[in-house]
Amino acid sequence: MKEHLKHRVFSVIAHVAAQYNLQVYAIGGFVRDIFLNRPSKDIDIVVIGNGIDFAEAIARQLKVKLAVFKNFGTASLKYQDLEIEFVGARKESYRLDSRKPIVENGSLEDDQKRRDFTINALAISLHPDSFGQLLDPFNGINDLEQKLIRTPLNPVETFSDDPLRMLRAIRFATQLNFKIDPVAVDAIKKNTERIRIISQERITDELNKIILSPKPSIGFNYLFDTGLLHKIFPQMTDLYGVEYIDGKGHKDNFYHTLHVLDNISETTDDLWLRWAAILHDIAKPATKRFEAGHGWTFHGHEDRGARMVPKIFAQLKLPLNEKMKQVQKLVMLHLRPIVLSQSIVTDSAVRRLLFEAGDDIEGLMLLCKADITTKNEYKVKKYRQNFELVQQKLKDVEERDNIRNWQPPISGTDIMHLFGIKEGREVGIIKNQIREAILEGEIPNSREAAIKYTIIKGEEIGLKVVANTN
């Protein structure tokens, strides 16, 4: 264990611990990650005594600034590449209406008992007399070996005291590809209603960490099976289930969405592309119809889904900014490349897709590839080959026509100057005609061609040229 404590900061902590005759321990995630062979730059230090006073002594030795949070009894500092937080050992009790604990001074055992999971209750002594000794009262090392998420104490009480721990259990299981102890899973099911005392910001932060995991479906399956997802994101649970009429059913859109999410997670770490995968079919329950002789349809679910995105982002306290607009655009357009891949690809259709997608075209193509979840190998091969053709066409058309993030070659001011008219309906009509002509390939995407076309269209509605536009 000592080989993991060679950084100078540990020798300084040991020296000060001996000087003040204090028992001091590294605890939590830093210790856990040693056994997982994961690098960790965040270190939690627990002191049997006053954590702030000890931190001040360490800061003086290291000659660094200390941030003190007296209300929480903690202090933190940055040293080289490490962020270190100090706290006095404590025991906690809770009220039913709050996850904020009533805190008292305690022993190391008290402090380990208050930890959320056994794998986070591991501690290493930093006092010179026992430097490097591991303290594992809840068999957390065995749980790491068994890849198991388990609570130190009764999980019903653990999750009732701080319901955010339910989401943290699922997040750790997802990030580490661990299982949650069945007793803890049952405890989550019994405490789902308690999640309502947690702020939406905290819930969404954990949800985003699940989404950013290597295989997010692990977490979403736990969220669904425990009933937590029904509380925190009911629109997603509405996707669940298959309905049959006249022997015809549709695919389960909940598990399809998880498949798409896992697929796109293999190709990108972009949180917002992953959110687009989650929301791409979110309006299918609202647009589901059965047509006799044909089967189930979801006409317009991309448009309805795009309109749902701002409301869902507001509900989940996700940012209502360009990221939301990006997700909204991808939901709106997610069928377009699929349609293109199933038919003869015309330049005009490609130009329109480039025009509407702009800089999100690569993300859109990743989403559409992820949306191929059929188990029919022939169909998968065919779709992928067609997508490659569409992507090449997109590249060729963009290089030739420069349509991405397109701006009109001439402006409304140019049109008004050319014909000597004021802003009004005629200007809007001509601008739309120019855009359509360029997207349809009737004229090149150049100022000269656009001016010539503008003169023709202006004369058609009775306008006369009164000035040059160079």
Protein backbone atom coordinates (compact mmCIF):
# COMPACT_ATOMS: atom_id res chain seq x y z
CA MET A 1 0.00 0.00 0.00
CA LYS A 2 2.88 2.36 0.79
CA GLU A 3 3.93 2.45 -2.88
CA HIS A 4 0.72 4.42 -3.59
CA LEU A 5 1.62 7.03 -0.96
CA LYS A 6 4.93 8.28 -2.35
CA HIS A 7 3.69 11.76 -3.24
CA ARG A 8 5.27 14.42 -1.00
CA VAL A 9 1.89 15.46 0.37
CA PHE A 10 1.54 12.15 2.25
CA SER A 11 4.89 12.49 4.00
CA VAL A 12 3.94 16.03 5.04
CA ILE A 13 0.59 14.80 6.38
CA ALA A 14 2.36 12.00 8.29
CA HIS A 15 4.88 14.46 9.77
CA VAL A 16 2.17 16.88 10.96
CA ALA A 17 0.04 13.98 12.29
CA ALA A 18 2.98 12.84 14.43
CA GLN A 19 3.75 16.40 15.50
CA TYR A 20 0.17 16.92 16.79
CA ASN A 21 -0.31 13.26 17.81
CA LEU A 22 -3.40 12.88 15.61
CA GLN A 23 -4.81 9.86 13.83
CA VAL A 24 -5.26 10.81 10.17
CA TYR A 25 -6.55 8.72 7.27
CA ALA A 26 -7.02 8.87 3.51
CA ILE A 27 -10.53 7.61 2.86
CA GLY A 28 -13.09 7.09 0.13
CA GLY A 29 -12.64 7.31 -3.61
CA PHE A 30 -8.84 7.74 -3.60
CA VAL A 31 -8.42 4.47 -1.69
CA ARG A 32 -11.04 2.67 -3.75
CA ASP A 33 -9.36 3.72 -7.00
CA ILE A 34 -6.02 2.28 -5.88
CA PHE A 35 -7.62 -1.17 -5.98
CA LEU A 36 -9.36 -0.41 -9.26
CA ASN A 37 -6.06 0.73 -10.81
CA ARG A 38 -7.63 4.08 -11.67
CA PRO A 39 -5.71 7.35 -11.33
CA SER A 40 -7.22 9.72 -8.78
CA LYS A 41 -6.33 13.36 -8.16
CA ASP A 42 -8.93 13.97 -5.43
CA ILE A 43 -7.99 12.92 -1.90
CA ASP A 44 -10.29 12.99 1.13
CA ILE A 45 -8.49 13.19 4.47
CA VAL A 46 -10.34 12.44 7.70
CA VAL A 47 -8.84 13.57 11.02
CA ILE A 48 -9.79 12.25 14.45
CA GLY A 49 -10.03 15.77 15.77
CA ASN A 50 -10.35 19.20 14.20
CA GLY A 51 -10.01 18.84 10.44
CA ILE A 52 -9.72 22.57 9.75
CA ASP A 53 -6.91 23.12 12.25
CA PHE A 54 -5.01 20.18 10.78
CA ALA A 55 -5.56 21.47 7.24
CA GLU A 56 -4.18 24.88 8.23
CA ALA A 57 -1.00 23.21 9.50
CA ILE A 58 -0.64 21.26 6.25
CA ALA A 59 -1.18 24.40 4.15
CA ARG A 60 1.58 26.19 6.08
CA GLN A 61 3.97 23.30 5.46
CA LEU A 62 3.13 23.15 1.73
CA LYS A 63 3.04 26.96 1.41
CA VAL A 64 -0.33 26.95 -0.37
CA LYS A 65 -3.65 28.74 0.13
CA LEU A 66 -6.39 27.02 2.07
CA ALA A 67 -10.13 27.34 1.44
CA VAL A 68 -12.08 26.97 4.69
CA PHE A 69 -15.79 26.09 4.91
CA LYS A 70 -16.60 26.50 8.60
CA ASN A 71 -20.32 25.75 8.17
CA PHE A 72 -19.41 22.29 6.88
CA GLY A 73 -16.33 21.78 9.06
CA THR A 74 -14.16 21.21 6.00
CA ALA A 75 -11.14 22.79 4.32
CA SER A 76 -9.50 22.15 0.97
CA LEU A 77 -6.28 22.96 -0.84
CA LYS A 78 -4.61 22.34 -4.18
CA TYR A 79 -1.05 21.10 -4.28
CA GLN A 80 0.66 20.32 -7.58
CA ASP A 81 -1.81 18.03 -9.41
CA LEU A 82 -3.84 17.07 -6.33
CA GLU A 83 -7.01 18.46 -4.74
CA ILE A 84 -7.20 17.56 -1.07
CA GLU A 85 -10.14 17.99 1.30
CA PHE A 86 -9.86 17.73 5.09
CA VAL A 87 -12.64 16.99 7.57
CA GLY A 88 -12.88 15.87 11.16
CA ALA A 89 -14.28 12.38 11.74
CA ARG A 90 -17.98 12.60 12.44
CA LYS A 91 -21.17 10.69 12.92
CA GLU A 92 -24.46 11.73 11.38
CA SER A 93 -28.19 11.48 11.98
CA TYR A 94 -31.01 12.60 9.72
CA ARG A 95 -34.50 14.12 9.78
CA LEU A 96 -37.17 12.70 7.48
CA ASP A 97 -37.66 15.93 5.55
CA SER A 98 -34.02 16.58 4.69
CA ARG A 99 -30.87 14.87 3.43
CA LYS A 100 -28.75 17.34 5.42
CA PRO A 101 -27.38 15.46 8.42
CA ILE A 102 -27.12 16.48 12.05
CA VAL A 103 -23.37 16.19 12.59
CA GLU A 104 -21.40 15.33 15.73
CA ASN A 105 -17.73 14.58 16.31
CA GLY A 106 -17.02 10.89 16.00
CA SER A 107 -14.50 8.11 15.64
CA LEU A 108 -13.07 6.65 12.44
CA GLU A 109 -15.61 3.83 12.76
CA ASP A 110 -18.43 6.40 12.99
CA ASP A 111 -17.07 8.11 9.87
CA GLN A 112 -16.84 4.86 7.93
CA LYS A 113 -20.38 3.90 8.92
CA ARG A 114 -21.75 7.14 7.43
CA ARG A 115 -20.17 6.38 4.01
CA ASP A 116 -22.54 5.47 1.22
CA PHE A 117 -20.99 2.17 0.07
CA THR A 118 -18.50 -0.34 1.43
CA ILE A 119 -16.10 0.35 -1.46
CA ASN A 120 -16.07 4.02 -0.42
CA ALA A 121 -15.51 3.27 3.29
CA LEU A 122 -11.96 2.00 2.83
CA ALA A 123 -9.35 3.98 4.77
CA ILE A 124 -5.53 4.07 4.87
CA SER A 125 -3.68 5.30 7.95
CA LEU A 126 -1.27 8.19 7.40
CA HIS A 127 0.20 8.35 10.93
CA PRO A 128 3.86 7.26 10.93
CA ASP A 129 3.19 4.46 13.49
CA SER A 130 0.72 2.73 11.12
CA PHE A 131 1.48 4.41 7.79
CA GLY A 132 -0.10 2.55 4.87
CA GLN A 133 -2.28 0.25 7.00
CA LEU A 134 -5.66 -0.51 5.38
CA LEU A 135 -8.82 -0.34 7.50
CA ASP A 136 -11.72 -2.21 5.91
CA PRO A 137 -14.42 -2.86 8.52
CA PHE A 138 -17.19 -3.64 6.00
CA ASN A 139 -15.29 -5.98 3.67
CA GLY A 140 -15.13 -3.43 0.88
CA ILE A 141 -12.12 -5.13 -0.73
CA ASN A 142 -14.16 -8.29 -1.21
CA ASP A 143 -16.97 -6.22 -2.73
CA LEU A 144 -14.48 -4.69 -5.17
CA GLU A 145 -13.35 -8.18 -6.13
CA GLN A 146 -16.96 -9.34 -6.48
CA LYS A 147 -17.85 -6.15 -8.37
CA LEU A 148 -20.64 -5.42 -5.94
CA ILE A 149 -22.24 -2.18 -4.71
CA ARG A 150 -23.30 -2.66 -1.08
CA THR A 151 -24.04 -0.28 1.80
CA PRO A 152 -22.12 -0.45 5.12
CA LEU A 153 -25.35 -0.36 7.14
CA ASN A 154 -28.97 -1.33 6.50
CA PRO A 155 -29.65 -0.04 2.96
CA VAL A 156 -33.24 0.92 3.76
CA GLU A 157 -31.96 3.37 6.38
CA THR A 158 -28.99 4.43 4.24
CA PHE A 159 -31.22 5.37 1.29
CA SER A 160 -33.97 6.88 3.43
CA ASP A 161 -31.44 9.10 5.23
CA ASP A 162 -29.94 10.38 1.98
CA PRO A 163 -32.01 9.37 -1.08
CA LEU A 164 -29.35 10.72 -3.45
CA ARG A 165 -27.38 7.58 -2.52
CA MET A 166 -29.88 5.54 -4.55
CA LEU A 167 -28.81 7.38 -7.70
CA ARG A 168 -25.16 7.18 -6.66
CA ALA A 169 -25.46 3.41 -6.27
CA ILE A 170 -26.81 3.14 -9.80
CA ARG A 171 -24.21 5.59 -11.10
CA PHE A 172 -21.30 3.63 -9.59
CA ALA A 173 -22.74 0.35 -10.88
CA THR A 174 -22.93 1.87 -14.36
CA GLN A 175 -19.51 3.53 -14.37
CA LEU A 176 -17.72 0.48 -12.93
CA ASN A 177 -19.91 -2.21 -14.54
CA PHE A 178 -20.71 -3.57 -11.06
CA LYS A 179 -23.87 -5.23 -9.77
CA ILE A 180 -25.93 -3.71 -6.95
CA ASP A 181 -26.51 -5.99 -3.98
CA PRO A 182 -30.07 -7.42 -4.35
CA VAL A 183 -30.87 -6.30 -0.78
CA ALA A 184 -29.89 -2.75 -1.78
CA VAL A 185 -31.99 -2.97 -4.97
CA ASP A 186 -35.03 -3.90 -2.86
CA ALA A 187 -34.24 -0.99 -0.52
CA ILE A 188 -34.21 1.42 -3.48
CA LYS A 189 -37.61 0.12 -4.57
CA LYS A 190 -38.96 0.84 -1.08
CA ASN A 191 -37.53 4.37 -1.02
CA THR A 192 -38.30 5.73 -4.51
CA GLU A 193 -40.75 8.28 -3.12
CA ARG A 194 -37.95 9.72 -0.97
CA ILE A 195 -36.16 10.98 -4.10
CA ARG A 196 -38.59 13.91 -4.07
CA ILE A 197 -36.62 15.62 -1.27
CA ILE A 198 -33.54 15.81 -3.53
CA SER A 199 -33.07 18.92 -5.65
CA GLN A 200 -33.50 18.49 -9.40
CA GLU A 201 -29.97 19.80 -9.98
CA ARG A 202 -28.48 16.97 -7.87
CA ILE A 203 -30.66 14.37 -9.61
CA THR A 204 -29.71 15.58 -13.07
CA ASP A 205 -26.02 15.69 -12.18
CA GLU A 206 -26.13 11.98 -11.29
CA LEU A 207 -28.26 11.23 -14.36
CA ASN A 208 -25.70 12.91 -16.62
CA LYS A 209 -22.91 10.86 -15.05
CA ILE A 210 -24.89 7.70 -15.82
CA ILE A 211 -25.42 8.89 -19.39
CA LEU A 212 -21.67 9.56 -19.77
CA SER A 213 -20.76 6.04 -18.61
CA PRO A 214 -19.32 3.52 -21.09
CA LYS A 215 -22.64 1.58 -21.26
CA PRO A 216 -25.46 3.84 -19.99
CA SER A 217 -28.17 1.17 -20.42
CA ILE A 218 -26.86 -0.53 -17.24
CA GLY A 219 -27.96 2.48 -15.23
CA PHE A 220 -31.23 3.04 -17.07
CA ASN A 221 -32.24 -0.59 -16.55
CA TYR A 222 -31.64 -0.18 -12.81
CA LEU A 223 -33.52 3.13 -12.81
CA PHE A 224 -36.46 1.53 -14.59
CA ASP A 225 -36.54 -1.74 -12.64
CA THR A 226 -36.42 0.04 -9.26
CA GLY A 227 -39.10 2.57 -10.23
CA LEU A 228 -36.80 5.57 -9.84
CA LEU A 229 -37.03 6.49 -13.52
CA HIS A 230 -40.81 6.77 -13.19
CA LYS A 231 -40.26 9.49 -10.58
CA ILE A 232 -37.44 11.46 -12.20
CA PHE A 233 -38.11 11.09 -15.93
CA PRO A 234 -41.63 9.72 -16.59
CA GLN A 235 -41.60 10.65 -20.29
CA MET A 236 -38.91 8.03 -20.83
CA THR A 237 -40.84 5.28 -19.06
CA ASP A 238 -43.80 6.04 -21.33
CA LEU A 239 -41.74 4.49 -24.14
CA TYR A 240 -41.92 1.09 -22.43
CA GLY A 241 -44.13 -1.72 -23.68
CA VAL A 242 -45.49 -3.34 -26.82
CA GLU A 243 -49.12 -3.19 -27.92
CA TYR A 244 -50.70 -5.71 -30.30
CA ILE A 245 -53.76 -5.31 -32.53
CA ASP A 246 -54.75 -7.92 -35.11
CA GLY A 247 -51.55 -9.78 -34.26
CA LYS A 248 -49.39 -6.81 -35.19
CA GLY A 249 -47.09 -5.24 -32.64
CA HIS A 250 -44.44 -2.53 -32.64
CA LYS A 251 -40.97 -2.67 -31.10
CA ASP A 252 -40.50 -1.71 -27.47
CA ASN A 253 -39.33 1.87 -27.84
CA PHE A 254 -37.82 2.00 -24.34
CA TYR A 255 -35.36 -0.81 -24.99
CA HIS A 256 -34.80 0.45 -28.54
CA THR A 257 -33.82 3.84 -27.07
CA LEU A 258 -31.36 2.17 -24.68
CA HIS A 259 -29.87 0.27 -27.63
CA VAL A 260 -29.44 3.51 -29.59
CA LEU A 261 -27.91 5.20 -26.52
CA ASP A 262 -25.38 2.40 -26.07
CA ASN A 263 -24.59 2.45 -29.79
CA ILE A 264 -23.85 6.17 -29.89
CA SER A 265 -21.87 5.91 -26.63
CA GLU A 266 -19.43 3.63 -28.47
CA THR A 267 -18.61 6.45 -30.90
CA THR A 268 -18.79 9.69 -28.88
CA ASP A 269 -18.42 11.06 -25.34
CA ASP A 270 -20.52 14.10 -26.23
CA LEU A 271 -23.24 14.39 -23.54
CA TRP A 272 -25.63 16.21 -25.87
CA LEU A 273 -25.40 13.65 -28.65
CA ARG A 274 -26.22 11.04 -26.01
CA TRP A 275 -29.21 13.14 -24.89
CA ALA A 276 -30.33 13.31 -28.54
CA ALA A 277 -30.24 9.51 -28.61
CA ILE A 278 -32.39 9.39 -25.45
CA LEU A 279 -34.93 11.84 -26.86
CA HIS A 280 -34.99 10.92 -30.56
CA ASP A 281 -38.17 8.82 -30.20
CA ILE A 282 -39.57 10.49 -27.07
CA ALA A 283 -42.82 11.48 -28.84
CA LYS A 284 -43.65 8.00 -30.15
CA PRO A 285 -46.16 7.31 -27.34
CA ALA A 286 -48.00 10.54 -28.21
CA THR A 287 -48.04 9.85 -31.96
CA LYS A 288 -48.72 6.10 -31.91
CA ARG A 289 -51.62 5.07 -34.18
CA PHE A 290 -52.86 1.76 -35.58
CA GLU A 291 -53.81 1.77 -39.23
CA ALA A 292 -55.91 -1.21 -40.34
CA GLY A 293 -54.18 -3.20 -43.02
CA HIS A 294 -50.88 -1.45 -42.38
CA GLY A 295 -49.97 -1.63 -38.70
CA TRP A 296 -48.52 0.81 -36.19
CA THR A 297 -47.39 4.27 -37.21
CA PHE A 298 -45.67 7.14 -35.41
CA HIS A 299 -46.19 9.89 -38.01
CA GLY A 300 -44.69 13.23 -37.02
CA HIS A 301 -42.92 11.93 -33.91
CA GLU A 302 -39.76 13.78 -34.91
CA ASP A 303 -41.58 17.14 -35.03
CA ARG A 304 -43.56 16.47 -31.83
CA GLY A 305 -40.39 15.24 -30.12
CA ALA A 306 -38.46 18.37 -31.08
CA ARG A 307 -41.22 20.47 -29.52
CA MET A 308 -41.00 18.40 -26.32
CA VAL A 309 -37.26 18.97 -25.89
CA PRO A 310 -37.41 22.49 -24.29
CA LYS A 311 -40.02 21.35 -21.76
CA ILE A 312 -37.99 18.27 -20.80
CA PHE A 313 -34.80 20.31 -20.50
CA ALA A 314 -36.60 22.82 -18.24
CA GLN A 315 -38.10 20.01 -16.16
CA LEU A 316 -34.69 18.35 -15.65
CA LYS A 317 -32.88 21.70 -15.13
CA LEU A 318 -30.70 21.06 -18.15
CA PRO A 319 -29.32 24.19 -19.86
CA LEU A 320 -31.84 26.10 -21.98
CA ASN A 321 -29.17 27.32 -24.38
CA GLU A 322 -27.43 26.26 -27.59
CA LYS A 323 -27.02 22.72 -26.23
CA MET A 324 -30.79 22.40 -25.93
CA LYS A 325 -31.21 23.77 -29.47
CA GLN A 326 -28.64 21.27 -30.74
CA VAL A 327 -30.56 18.35 -29.21
CA GLN A 328 -33.83 19.76 -30.54
CA LYS A 329 -32.39 20.01 -34.06
CA LEU A 330 -31.06 16.44 -33.97
CA VAL A 331 -34.42 15.08 -32.78
CA MET A 332 -36.18 17.00 -35.55
CA LEU A 333 -33.81 15.76 -38.27
CA HIS A 334 -33.05 12.22 -37.09
CA LEU A 335 -35.16 10.54 -39.79
CA ARG A 336 -33.80 12.56 -42.71
CA PRO A 337 -30.53 10.65 -43.40
CA ILE A 338 -32.42 7.36 -43.00
CA VAL A 339 -34.92 8.45 -45.67
CA LEU A 340 -32.05 9.55 -47.91
CA SER A 341 -30.32 6.21 -47.49
CA GLN A 342 -33.42 4.35 -48.68
CA SER A 343 -33.83 6.21 -51.96
CA ILE A 344 -31.91 7.76 -54.83
CA VAL A 345 -29.91 10.57 -53.25
CA THR A 346 -30.42 13.85 -55.12
CA ASP A 347 -28.12 16.83 -54.77
CA SER A 348 -31.03 19.05 -53.75
CA ALA A 349 -32.01 16.72 -50.88
CA VAL A 350 -28.41 16.67 -49.67
CA ARG A 351 -28.16 20.47 -49.91
CA ARG A 352 -31.32 20.85 -47.81
CA LEU A 353 -29.98 18.47 -45.16
CA LEU A 354 -26.67 20.35 -45.01
CA PHE A 355 -28.53 23.67 -44.83
CA GLU A 356 -30.75 22.54 -41.95
CA ALA A 357 -28.15 20.55 -39.99
CA GLY A 358 -25.23 22.99 -40.34
CA ASP A 359 -22.36 22.10 -38.02
CA ASP A 360 -24.42 19.30 -36.45
CA ILE A 361 -24.35 17.18 -39.61
CA GLU A 362 -21.62 14.83 -38.26
CA GLY A 363 -23.51 14.37 -34.99
CA LEU A 364 -26.71 13.72 -36.92
CA MET A 365 -25.02 10.99 -38.96
CA LEU A 366 -23.66 9.39 -35.77
CA LEU A 367 -27.18 9.41 -34.30
CA CYS A 368 -28.68 7.86 -37.42
CA LYS A 369 -26.09 5.09 -37.53
CA ALA A 370 -26.75 4.40 -33.84
CA ASP A 371 -30.48 4.17 -34.67
CA ILE A 372 -29.86 0.98 -36.69
CA THR A 373 -30.86 -1.64 -34.11
CA THR A 374 -32.32 -4.37 -36.30
CA LYS A 375 -30.98 -7.88 -35.69
CA ASN A 376 -31.28 -8.64 -39.42
CA GLU A 377 -27.64 -8.69 -40.57
CA TYR A 378 -28.62 -8.16 -44.22
CA LYS A 379 -30.55 -4.99 -43.32
CA VAL A 380 -27.73 -3.72 -41.12
CA LYS A 381 -25.19 -4.21 -43.91
CA LYS A 382 -27.50 -2.55 -46.45
CA TYR A 383 -28.23 0.46 -44.21
CA ARG A 384 -24.56 0.98 -43.42
CA GLN A 385 -23.56 0.81 -47.09
CA ASN A 386 -26.28 3.32 -47.97
CA PHE A 387 -25.17 5.62 -45.14
CA GLU A 388 -21.64 5.57 -46.53
CA LEU A 389 -23.05 6.68 -49.89
CA VAL A 390 -25.01 9.47 -48.20
CA GLN A 391 -21.92 10.62 -46.29
CA GLN A 392 -19.85 10.72 -49.46
CA LYS A 393 -22.62 12.68 -51.18
CA LEU A 394 -22.71 15.12 -48.26
CA LYS A 395 -18.97 15.63 -48.56
CA ASP A 396 -19.07 16.10 -52.34
CA VAL A 397 -21.99 18.57 -52.29
CA GLU A 398 -20.51 20.59 -49.41
CA GLU A 399 -17.14 20.90 -51.14
CA ARG A 400 -18.84 22.07 -54.33
CA ASP A 401 -21.71 24.22 -53.06
CA ASN A 402 -20.57 25.34 -49.60
CA ILE A 403 -24.07 25.05 -48.12
CA ARG A 404 -23.28 24.25 -44.48
CA ASN A 405 -24.18 27.25 -42.27
CA TRP A 406 -25.35 28.92 -45.48
CA GLN A 407 -25.90 32.67 -45.59
CA PRO A 408 -27.71 34.30 -48.56
CA PRO A 409 -25.26 35.68 -51.18
CA ILE A 410 -27.30 38.90 -51.15
CA SER A 411 -29.16 40.46 -48.24
CA GLY A 412 -32.55 42.05 -47.80
CA THR A 413 -30.77 45.42 -47.80
CA ASP A 414 -29.27 44.56 -51.21
CA ILE A 415 -32.73 43.74 -52.58
CA MET A 416 -34.23 46.99 -51.25
CA HIS A 417 -31.36 49.00 -52.72
CA LEU A 418 -31.59 47.21 -56.09
CA PHE A 419 -35.29 47.98 -56.56
CA GLY A 420 -35.57 51.14 -54.49
CA ILE A 421 -38.18 49.64 -52.16
CA LYS A 422 -38.73 49.56 -48.40
CA GLU A 423 -38.70 46.48 -46.19
CA GLY A 424 -41.83 44.45 -46.79
CA ARG A 425 -43.47 41.37 -48.24
CA GLU A 426 -41.68 41.58 -51.61
CA VAL A 427 -38.25 41.39 -49.96
CA GLY A 428 -39.23 38.24 -48.04
CA ILE A 429 -40.64 36.59 -51.15
CA ILE A 430 -37.46 37.20 -53.16
CA LYS A 431 -35.18 36.04 -50.33
CA ASN A 432 -37.11 32.76 -50.08
CA GLN A 433 -36.95 32.32 -53.86
CA ILE A 434 -33.16 32.80 -53.86
CA ARG A 435 -32.74 30.24 -51.06
CA GLU A 436 -34.95 27.68 -52.80
CA ALA A 437 -33.19 28.19 -56.15
CA ILE A 438 -29.77 27.58 -54.59
CA LEU A 439 -30.93 24.55 -52.58
CA GLU A 440 -32.61 23.07 -55.67
CA GLY A 441 -29.49 23.67 -57.73
CA GLU A 442 -31.21 26.03 -60.16
CA ILE A 443 -28.47 28.65 -59.66
CA PRO A 444 -24.94 28.48 -58.17
CA ASN A 445 -24.32 29.63 -54.60
CA SER A 446 -22.68 32.89 -55.70
CA ARG A 447 -23.47 36.60 -55.40
CA GLU A 448 -23.38 37.21 -59.16
CA ALA A 449 -25.85 34.43 -59.92
CA ALA A 450 -28.11 35.50 -57.03
CA ILE A 451 -28.26 39.13 -58.29
CA LYS A 452 -29.23 38.02 -61.80
CA TYR A 453 -31.90 35.72 -60.37
CA THR A 454 -33.17 38.50 -58.07
CA ILE A 455 -33.67 40.86 -61.04
CA ILE A 456 -35.67 38.21 -62.90
CA LYS A 457 -37.90 37.44 -59.90
CA GLY A 458 -38.34 41.11 -59.05
CA GLU A 459 -39.51 41.93 -62.56
CA GLU A 460 -42.01 39.04 -62.37
CA ILE A 461 -43.79 40.83 -59.51
CA GLY A 462 -43.59 44.27 -61.12
CA LEU A 463 -40.37 45.64 -59.60
CA LYS A 464 -37.82 47.61 -61.61
CA VAL A 465 -34.11 47.91 -61.06
CA VAL A 466 -33.13 51.43 -59.97
CA ALA A 467 -29.54 50.86 -58.72
CA ASN A 468 -26.53 48.56 -59.09
CA THR A 469 -25.61 46.06 -56.35
CA ASN A 470 -21.95 45.11 -56.55
